Amino acid sequence: MNLAAGGTNSDVLGSIGAGGLALILWTALILGTREQSEHTMSKKAAIFCGVFAGTAAMGAGQIWGLPDDLILGLLTAITGNRAMADVGTGAICVTILVIAYLLKMKPRAAGVLGLVLASAAAVAGGAWAQVSGSVGDLFGQFA
């Protein structure tokens, strides 16, 4: 992120990168959902932070992509299971939102739910993929 000041280029924040952005958001999610934290996130903030952290991690790849790989493996097991009839990833995304809205949960659990939602939305297609892509594009401007 470069900011021009007085005719010169000055690098205010230094290089963040996709991995750095994932590190920042995961740190905020982990520390912000601790009950002993000075500034504890609300349930809604934790869900959004989880979605953003998951999207940034997918964009960063490498080791940051491991949670996404695990979540996608679980989603594939659910959606590919004929015993579950025809459950698609769109249905899983809506189910996650219903759980987040109706279930009383601690911020840390809500953040994990946000991470799962980020991975599910990325593969669901349709409007879900547009939302996931928009969040990814937003983070791409910072990275």
N, C-alpha and C. Protein backbone atom coordinates (compact mmCIF):
# COMPACT_ATOMS: atom_id res chain seq x y z
N MET A 1 0.86 -1.16 0.00
CA MET A 1 0.00 0.00 0.00
C MET A 1 0.90 1.22 0.00
N ASN A 2 0.94 1.94 -1.09
CA ASN A 2 1.77 3.13 -1.20
C ASN A 2 0.92 4.37 -1.10
N LEU A 3 1.39 5.34 -0.36
CA LEU A 3 0.73 6.63 -0.26
C LEU A 3 1.72 7.69 -0.70
N ALA A 4 1.32 8.51 -1.65
CA ALA A 4 2.19 9.59 -2.11
C ALA A 4 2.03 10.79 -1.20
N ALA A 5 3.14 11.35 -0.75
CA ALA A 5 3.09 12.51 0.13
C ALA A 5 4.16 13.50 -0.31
N GLY A 6 3.73 14.70 -0.64
CA GLY A 6 4.68 15.75 -0.99
C GLY A 6 5.54 15.42 -2.19
N GLY A 7 4.97 14.73 -3.18
CA GLY A 7 5.71 14.45 -4.39
C GLY A 7 6.63 13.24 -4.29
N THR A 8 6.65 12.56 -3.18
CA THR A 8 7.49 11.37 -3.05
C THR A 8 6.64 10.17 -2.72
N ASN A 9 7.12 9.03 -3.09
CA ASN A 9 6.44 7.79 -2.71
C ASN A 9 6.89 7.39 -1.32
N SER A 10 5.92 7.12 -0.47
CA SER A 10 6.28 6.62 0.86
C SER A 10 5.47 5.37 1.13
N ASP A 11 6.14 4.34 1.57
CA ASP A 11 5.52 3.05 1.84
C ASP A 11 5.13 3.03 3.31
N VAL A 12 3.86 3.37 3.61
CA VAL A 12 3.42 3.56 4.99
C VAL A 12 3.32 2.25 5.74
N LEU A 13 2.64 1.26 5.18
CA LEU A 13 2.40 0.00 5.88
C LEU A 13 3.36 -1.10 5.47
N GLY A 14 4.18 -0.86 4.50
CA GLY A 14 5.05 -1.92 4.01
C GLY A 14 4.26 -2.91 3.18
N SER A 15 4.88 -3.99 2.81
CA SER A 15 4.21 -5.01 2.01
C SER A 15 3.37 -5.89 2.93
N ILE A 16 2.11 -6.05 2.59
CA ILE A 16 1.22 -6.91 3.38
C ILE A 16 1.12 -8.28 2.73
N GLY A 17 0.74 -8.33 1.49
CA GLY A 17 0.62 -9.60 0.77
C GLY A 17 -0.60 -10.39 1.21
N ALA A 18 -0.97 -11.38 0.41
CA ALA A 18 -2.15 -12.20 0.71
C ALA A 18 -1.94 -13.02 1.97
N GLY A 19 -0.76 -13.58 2.15
CA GLY A 19 -0.47 -14.35 3.35
C GLY A 19 -0.47 -13.47 4.59
N GLY A 20 0.05 -12.26 4.46
CA GLY A 20 0.05 -11.32 5.58
C GLY A 20 -1.35 -10.91 5.97
N LEU A 21 -2.20 -10.71 4.97
CA LEU A 21 -3.60 -10.37 5.25
C LEU A 21 -4.31 -11.52 5.95
N ALA A 22 -4.03 -12.74 5.51
CA ALA A 22 -4.61 -13.91 6.18
C ALA A 22 -4.11 -13.98 7.63
N LEU A 23 -2.83 -13.72 7.84
CA LEU A 23 -2.27 -13.73 9.20
C LEU A 23 -2.96 -12.69 10.09
N ILE A 24 -3.15 -11.49 9.58
CA ILE A 24 -3.80 -10.43 10.34
C ILE A 24 -5.22 -10.83 10.73
N LEU A 25 -5.99 -11.32 9.75
CA LEU A 25 -7.39 -11.66 10.01
C LEU A 25 -7.54 -12.88 10.92
N TRP A 26 -6.69 -13.88 10.76
CA TRP A 26 -6.74 -15.06 11.64
C TRP A 26 -6.37 -14.66 13.06
N THR A 27 -5.38 -13.78 13.20
CA THR A 27 -5.00 -13.30 14.53
C THR A 27 -6.15 -12.55 15.17
N ALA A 28 -6.79 -11.67 14.39
CA ALA A 28 -7.94 -10.93 14.91
C ALA A 28 -9.06 -11.89 15.32
N LEU A 29 -9.29 -12.92 14.53
CA LEU A 29 -10.35 -13.89 14.84
C LEU A 29 -10.02 -14.67 16.11
N ILE A 30 -8.80 -15.15 16.22
CA ILE A 30 -8.43 -15.95 17.39
C ILE A 30 -8.42 -15.11 18.66
N LEU A 31 -7.76 -13.96 18.62
CA LEU A 31 -7.65 -13.14 19.82
C LEU A 31 -8.94 -12.39 20.13
N GLY A 32 -9.68 -12.03 19.10
CA GLY A 32 -10.92 -11.28 19.31
C GLY A 32 -12.08 -12.12 19.80
N THR A 33 -11.92 -13.43 19.77
CA THR A 33 -13.00 -14.30 20.25
C THR A 33 -12.67 -14.95 21.60
N ARG A 34 -11.57 -14.56 22.17
CA ARG A 34 -11.22 -15.05 23.51
C ARG A 34 -12.08 -14.32 24.53
N GLU A 35 -12.55 -15.03 25.52
CA GLU A 35 -13.37 -14.39 26.55
C GLU A 35 -12.54 -13.45 27.40
N GLN A 36 -11.23 -13.69 27.50
CA GLN A 36 -10.36 -12.84 28.30
C GLN A 36 -9.83 -11.65 27.50
N SER A 37 -10.23 -11.52 26.25
CA SER A 37 -9.74 -10.44 25.41
C SER A 37 -10.27 -9.09 25.89
N GLU A 38 -9.45 -8.08 25.71
CA GLU A 38 -9.87 -6.73 26.11
C GLU A 38 -10.99 -6.22 25.21
N HIS A 39 -10.97 -6.63 23.96
CA HIS A 39 -11.99 -6.22 23.00
C HIS A 39 -12.57 -7.47 22.34
N THR A 40 -13.55 -8.07 22.97
CA THR A 40 -14.15 -9.30 22.45
C THR A 40 -15.12 -8.98 21.32
N MET A 41 -15.03 -9.74 20.24
CA MET A 41 -15.94 -9.57 19.10
C MET A 41 -17.33 -10.07 19.46
N SER A 42 -18.31 -9.47 18.82
CA SER A 42 -19.68 -9.98 18.92
C SER A 42 -19.80 -11.20 18.01
N LYS A 43 -20.91 -11.88 18.12
CA LYS A 43 -21.16 -13.05 17.28
C LYS A 43 -21.15 -12.66 15.80
N LYS A 44 -21.82 -11.56 15.46
CA LYS A 44 -21.86 -11.12 14.06
C LYS A 44 -20.49 -10.73 13.55
N ALA A 45 -19.74 -9.99 14.35
CA ALA A 45 -18.40 -9.58 13.93
C ALA A 45 -17.51 -10.80 13.72
N ALA A 46 -17.65 -11.80 14.58
CA ALA A 46 -16.84 -13.02 14.45
C ALA A 46 -17.18 -13.78 13.18
N ILE A 47 -18.46 -13.84 12.83
CA ILE A 47 -18.85 -14.51 11.59
C ILE A 47 -18.24 -13.80 10.39
N PHE A 48 -18.38 -12.48 10.35
CA PHE A 48 -17.81 -11.72 9.23
C PHE A 48 -16.29 -11.85 9.19
N CYS A 49 -15.65 -11.78 10.34
CA CYS A 49 -14.19 -11.93 10.39
C CYS A 49 -13.80 -13.33 9.91
N GLY A 50 -14.58 -14.34 10.28
CA GLY A 50 -14.31 -15.70 9.82
C GLY A 50 -14.44 -15.83 8.31
N VAL A 51 -15.46 -15.22 7.74
CA VAL A 51 -15.63 -15.25 6.28
C VAL A 51 -14.46 -14.55 5.60
N PHE A 52 -14.10 -13.37 6.10
CA PHE A 52 -12.99 -12.63 5.51
C PHE A 52 -11.66 -13.37 5.69
N ALA A 53 -11.43 -13.95 6.88
CA ALA A 53 -10.20 -14.69 7.13
C ALA A 53 -10.12 -15.92 6.23
N GLY A 54 -11.23 -16.62 6.07
CA GLY A 54 -11.26 -17.79 5.20
C GLY A 54 -11.01 -17.44 3.75
N THR A 55 -11.60 -16.35 3.29
CA THR A 55 -11.41 -15.91 1.91
C THR A 55 -9.96 -15.47 1.68
N ALA A 56 -9.39 -14.74 2.63
CA ALA A 56 -8.00 -14.32 2.50
C ALA A 56 -7.07 -15.53 2.50
N ALA A 57 -7.35 -16.52 3.34
CA ALA A 57 -6.52 -17.72 3.40
C ALA A 57 -6.59 -18.51 2.09
N MET A 58 -7.79 -18.58 1.49
CA MET A 58 -7.91 -19.28 0.20
C MET A 58 -7.09 -18.56 -0.86
N GLY A 59 -7.12 -17.23 -0.84
CA GLY A 59 -6.35 -16.46 -1.80
C GLY A 59 -4.85 -16.58 -1.60
N ALA A 60 -4.44 -16.74 -0.35
CA ALA A 60 -3.01 -16.84 -0.04
C ALA A 60 -2.45 -18.20 -0.43
N GLY A 61 -3.28 -19.24 -0.33
CA GLY A 61 -2.82 -20.58 -0.69
C GLY A 61 -1.77 -21.10 0.28
N GLN A 62 -0.87 -21.94 -0.23
CA GLN A 62 0.18 -22.55 0.57
C GLN A 62 -0.39 -23.16 1.85
N ILE A 63 0.23 -22.91 2.97
CA ILE A 63 -0.22 -23.48 4.24
C ILE A 63 -1.55 -22.87 4.67
N TRP A 64 -1.82 -21.65 4.22
CA TRP A 64 -3.09 -20.99 4.59
C TRP A 64 -4.28 -21.71 3.97
N GLY A 65 -4.08 -22.45 2.92
CA GLY A 65 -5.16 -23.16 2.25
C GLY A 65 -5.55 -24.48 2.90
N LEU A 66 -4.80 -24.93 3.90
CA LEU A 66 -5.10 -26.22 4.54
C LEU A 66 -6.49 -26.28 5.18
N PRO A 67 -6.91 -25.26 5.95
CA PRO A 67 -8.27 -25.34 6.50
C PRO A 67 -9.34 -25.42 5.41
N ASP A 68 -9.13 -24.68 4.32
CA ASP A 68 -10.08 -24.73 3.21
C ASP A 68 -10.11 -26.12 2.60
N ASP A 69 -8.96 -26.75 2.45
CA ASP A 69 -8.91 -28.11 1.90
C ASP A 69 -9.69 -29.09 2.78
N LEU A 70 -9.54 -28.95 4.10
CA LEU A 70 -10.27 -29.83 5.02
C LEU A 70 -11.78 -29.59 4.93
N ILE A 71 -12.16 -28.33 4.88
CA ILE A 71 -13.59 -27.99 4.79
C ILE A 71 -14.17 -28.49 3.47
N LEU A 72 -13.43 -28.31 2.38
CA LEU A 72 -13.92 -28.77 1.08
C LEU A 72 -14.04 -30.29 1.05
N GLY A 73 -13.13 -31.00 1.72
CA GLY A 73 -13.23 -32.45 1.81
C GLY A 73 -14.51 -32.87 2.52
N LEU A 74 -14.84 -32.17 3.60
CA LEU A 74 -16.06 -32.45 4.34
C LEU A 74 -17.29 -32.13 3.49
N LEU A 75 -17.26 -30.99 2.79
CA LEU A 75 -18.40 -30.63 1.93
C LEU A 75 -18.59 -31.64 0.80
N THR A 76 -17.49 -32.12 0.25
CA THR A 76 -17.57 -33.13 -0.82
C THR A 76 -18.17 -34.42 -0.28
N ALA A 77 -17.81 -34.78 0.95
CA ALA A 77 -18.37 -35.99 1.55
C ALA A 77 -19.87 -35.84 1.77
N ILE A 78 -20.30 -34.65 2.15
CA ILE A 78 -21.73 -34.43 2.40
C ILE A 78 -22.51 -34.37 1.09
N THR A 79 -22.02 -33.57 0.14
CA THR A 79 -22.77 -33.39 -1.11
C THR A 79 -22.67 -34.59 -2.03
N GLY A 80 -21.63 -35.41 -1.89
CA GLY A 80 -21.48 -36.59 -2.75
C GLY A 80 -22.14 -37.83 -2.17
N ASN A 81 -22.68 -37.72 -0.98
CA ASN A 81 -23.29 -38.87 -0.31
C ASN A 81 -24.73 -39.03 -0.79
N ARG A 82 -25.03 -40.13 -1.42
CA ARG A 82 -26.38 -40.37 -1.95
C ARG A 82 -27.39 -40.54 -0.81
N ALA A 83 -26.96 -40.92 0.37
CA ALA A 83 -27.88 -41.06 1.50
C ALA A 83 -28.47 -39.71 1.91
N MET A 84 -27.76 -38.62 1.59
CA MET A 84 -28.26 -37.27 1.90
C MET A 84 -29.14 -36.74 0.77
N ALA A 85 -29.50 -37.58 -0.17
CA ALA A 85 -30.30 -37.22 -1.34
C ALA A 85 -29.54 -36.21 -2.18
N ASP A 86 -30.12 -35.08 -2.46
CA ASP A 86 -29.51 -34.11 -3.37
C ASP A 86 -29.19 -32.82 -2.62
N VAL A 87 -28.26 -32.89 -1.67
CA VAL A 87 -27.86 -31.71 -0.90
C VAL A 87 -26.71 -31.04 -1.64
N GLY A 88 -26.93 -29.82 -2.07
CA GLY A 88 -25.89 -29.07 -2.77
C GLY A 88 -25.21 -28.07 -1.84
N THR A 89 -24.14 -27.48 -2.35
CA THR A 89 -23.39 -26.52 -1.53
C THR A 89 -24.20 -25.25 -1.26
N GLY A 90 -25.12 -24.92 -2.15
CA GLY A 90 -26.00 -23.77 -1.89
C GLY A 90 -26.87 -24.02 -0.67
N ALA A 91 -27.37 -25.24 -0.55
CA ALA A 91 -28.18 -25.61 0.62
C ALA A 91 -27.34 -25.57 1.89
N ILE A 92 -26.09 -25.96 1.78
CA ILE A 92 -25.21 -25.91 2.94
C ILE A 92 -24.96 -24.47 3.36
N CYS A 93 -24.77 -23.57 2.40
CA CYS A 93 -24.58 -22.15 2.72
C CYS A 93 -25.79 -21.57 3.45
N VAL A 94 -26.99 -21.87 2.95
CA VAL A 94 -28.20 -21.37 3.61
C VAL A 94 -28.33 -21.99 5.00
N THR A 95 -28.02 -23.27 5.13
CA THR A 95 -28.08 -23.93 6.44
C THR A 95 -27.11 -23.28 7.43
N ILE A 96 -25.93 -22.94 6.97
CA ILE A 96 -24.96 -22.26 7.84
C ILE A 96 -25.52 -20.92 8.30
N LEU A 97 -26.15 -20.18 7.41
CA LEU A 97 -26.74 -18.89 7.79
C LEU A 97 -27.89 -19.07 8.79
N VAL A 98 -28.70 -20.11 8.60
CA VAL A 98 -29.80 -20.40 9.53
C VAL A 98 -29.22 -20.73 10.91
N ILE A 99 -28.20 -21.56 10.94
CA ILE A 99 -27.55 -21.91 12.21
C ILE A 99 -27.00 -20.66 12.89
N ALA A 100 -26.31 -19.83 12.10
CA ALA A 100 -25.72 -18.61 12.66
C ALA A 100 -26.78 -17.67 13.22
N TYR A 101 -27.92 -17.61 12.56
CA TYR A 101 -28.97 -16.69 12.98
C TYR A 101 -29.77 -17.23 14.18
N LEU A 102 -30.08 -18.50 14.17
CA LEU A 102 -30.98 -19.05 15.17
C LEU A 102 -30.31 -19.64 16.41
N LEU A 103 -29.06 -20.04 16.29
CA LEU A 103 -28.40 -20.71 17.40
C LEU A 103 -27.62 -19.71 18.25
N LYS A 104 -27.82 -19.78 19.54
CA LYS A 104 -27.03 -18.95 20.44
C LYS A 104 -25.66 -19.60 20.54
N MET A 105 -24.63 -18.85 20.20
CA MET A 105 -23.28 -19.41 20.22
C MET A 105 -22.28 -18.35 20.64
N LYS A 106 -21.14 -18.82 21.07
CA LYS A 106 -20.06 -17.92 21.46
C LYS A 106 -19.39 -17.40 20.19
N PRO A 107 -18.73 -16.25 20.30
CA PRO A 107 -18.08 -15.67 19.12
C PRO A 107 -17.08 -16.60 18.45
N ARG A 108 -16.33 -17.39 19.21
CA ARG A 108 -15.34 -18.27 18.59
C ARG A 108 -16.02 -19.29 17.69
N ALA A 109 -17.12 -19.89 18.14
CA ALA A 109 -17.87 -20.84 17.31
C ALA A 109 -18.44 -20.14 16.08
N ALA A 110 -18.89 -18.90 16.25
CA ALA A 110 -19.41 -18.14 15.11
C ALA A 110 -18.31 -17.86 14.10
N GLY A 111 -17.10 -17.59 14.57
CA GLY A 111 -15.98 -17.37 13.66
C GLY A 111 -15.64 -18.61 12.86
N VAL A 112 -15.67 -19.76 13.50
CA VAL A 112 -15.41 -21.02 12.79
C VAL A 112 -16.51 -21.26 11.76
N LEU A 113 -17.74 -20.94 12.11
CA LEU A 113 -18.85 -21.06 11.17
C LEU A 113 -18.62 -20.15 9.96
N GLY A 114 -18.08 -18.95 10.21
CA GLY A 114 -17.74 -18.04 9.12
C GLY A 114 -16.67 -18.61 8.20
N LEU A 115 -15.67 -19.28 8.78
CA LEU A 115 -14.63 -19.93 7.97
C LEU A 115 -15.23 -21.00 7.07
N VAL A 116 -16.15 -21.78 7.61
CA VAL A 116 -16.81 -22.83 6.83
C VAL A 116 -17.66 -22.19 5.73
N LEU A 117 -18.34 -21.10 6.06
CA LEU A 117 -19.17 -20.42 5.07
C LEU A 117 -18.32 -19.88 3.93
N ALA A 118 -17.14 -19.36 4.21
CA ALA A 118 -16.26 -18.83 3.15
C ALA A 118 -15.91 -19.93 2.15
N SER A 119 -15.56 -21.11 2.65
CA SER A 119 -15.21 -22.22 1.76
C SER A 119 -16.42 -22.72 0.98
N ALA A 120 -17.55 -22.84 1.66
CA ALA A 120 -18.76 -23.33 0.99
C ALA A 120 -19.21 -22.35 -0.08
N ALA A 121 -19.17 -21.06 0.20
CA ALA A 121 -19.61 -20.05 -0.77
C ALA A 121 -18.73 -20.03 -2.00
N ALA A 122 -17.44 -20.29 -1.81
CA ALA A 122 -16.51 -20.27 -2.94
C ALA A 122 -16.82 -21.35 -3.97
N VAL A 123 -17.36 -22.49 -3.52
CA VAL A 123 -17.64 -23.59 -4.44
C VAL A 123 -19.12 -23.73 -4.78
N ALA A 124 -19.98 -22.95 -4.14
CA ALA A 124 -21.43 -23.10 -4.35
C ALA A 124 -21.89 -22.58 -5.70
N GLY A 125 -21.20 -21.60 -6.24
CA GLY A 125 -21.62 -21.03 -7.51
C GLY A 125 -22.74 -20.03 -7.32
N GLY A 126 -23.23 -19.50 -8.41
CA GLY A 126 -24.34 -18.54 -8.37
C GLY A 126 -24.00 -17.30 -7.55
N ALA A 127 -24.99 -16.81 -6.82
CA ALA A 127 -24.82 -15.61 -6.00
C ALA A 127 -23.77 -15.82 -4.92
N TRP A 128 -23.64 -17.05 -4.42
CA TRP A 128 -22.64 -17.33 -3.37
C TRP A 128 -21.23 -17.05 -3.89
N ALA A 129 -20.95 -17.50 -5.09
CA ALA A 129 -19.63 -17.29 -5.67
C ALA A 129 -19.38 -15.81 -5.95
N GLN A 130 -20.44 -15.07 -6.29
CA GLN A 130 -20.28 -13.63 -6.52
C GLN A 130 -19.91 -12.92 -5.23
N VAL A 131 -20.56 -13.30 -4.14
CA VAL A 131 -20.22 -12.70 -2.84
C VAL A 131 -18.79 -13.06 -2.47
N SER A 132 -18.44 -14.32 -2.61
CA SER A 132 -17.09 -14.78 -2.29
C SER A 132 -16.06 -14.07 -3.17
N GLY A 133 -16.37 -13.93 -4.45
CA GLY A 133 -15.47 -13.24 -5.37
C GLY A 133 -15.32 -11.78 -5.04
N SER A 134 -16.40 -11.14 -4.61
CA SER A 134 -16.34 -9.72 -4.24
C SER A 134 -15.45 -9.51 -3.02
N VAL A 135 -15.60 -10.38 -2.03
CA VAL A 135 -14.75 -10.29 -0.84
C VAL A 135 -13.30 -10.53 -1.23
N GLY A 136 -13.06 -11.52 -2.09
CA GLY A 136 -11.71 -11.82 -2.56
C GLY A 136 -11.11 -10.64 -3.33
N ASP A 137 -11.91 -9.99 -4.17
CA ASP A 137 -11.44 -8.82 -4.91
C ASP A 137 -11.08 -7.67 -3.97
N LEU A 138 -11.91 -7.48 -2.95
CA LEU A 138 -11.65 -6.44 -1.97
C LEU A 138 -10.31 -6.67 -1.29
N PHE A 139 -10.04 -7.92 -0.89
CA PHE A 139 -8.79 -8.22 -0.23
C PHE A 139 -7.61 -8.17 -1.20
N GLY A 140 -7.88 -8.46 -2.47
CA GLY A 140 -6.83 -8.38 -3.47
C GLY A 140 -6.28 -6.96 -3.61
N GLN A 141 -7.10 -5.96 -3.34
CA GLN A 141 -6.65 -4.57 -3.41
C GLN A 141 -5.70 -4.23 -2.28
N PHE A 142 -5.85 -4.91 -1.14
CA PHE A 142 -4.97 -4.63 0.00
C PHE A 142 -3.70 -5.43 -0.04
N ALA A 143 -3.77 -6.61 -0.69
CA ALA A 143 -2.63 -7.52 -0.65
C ALA A 143 -1.58 -7.19 -1.68
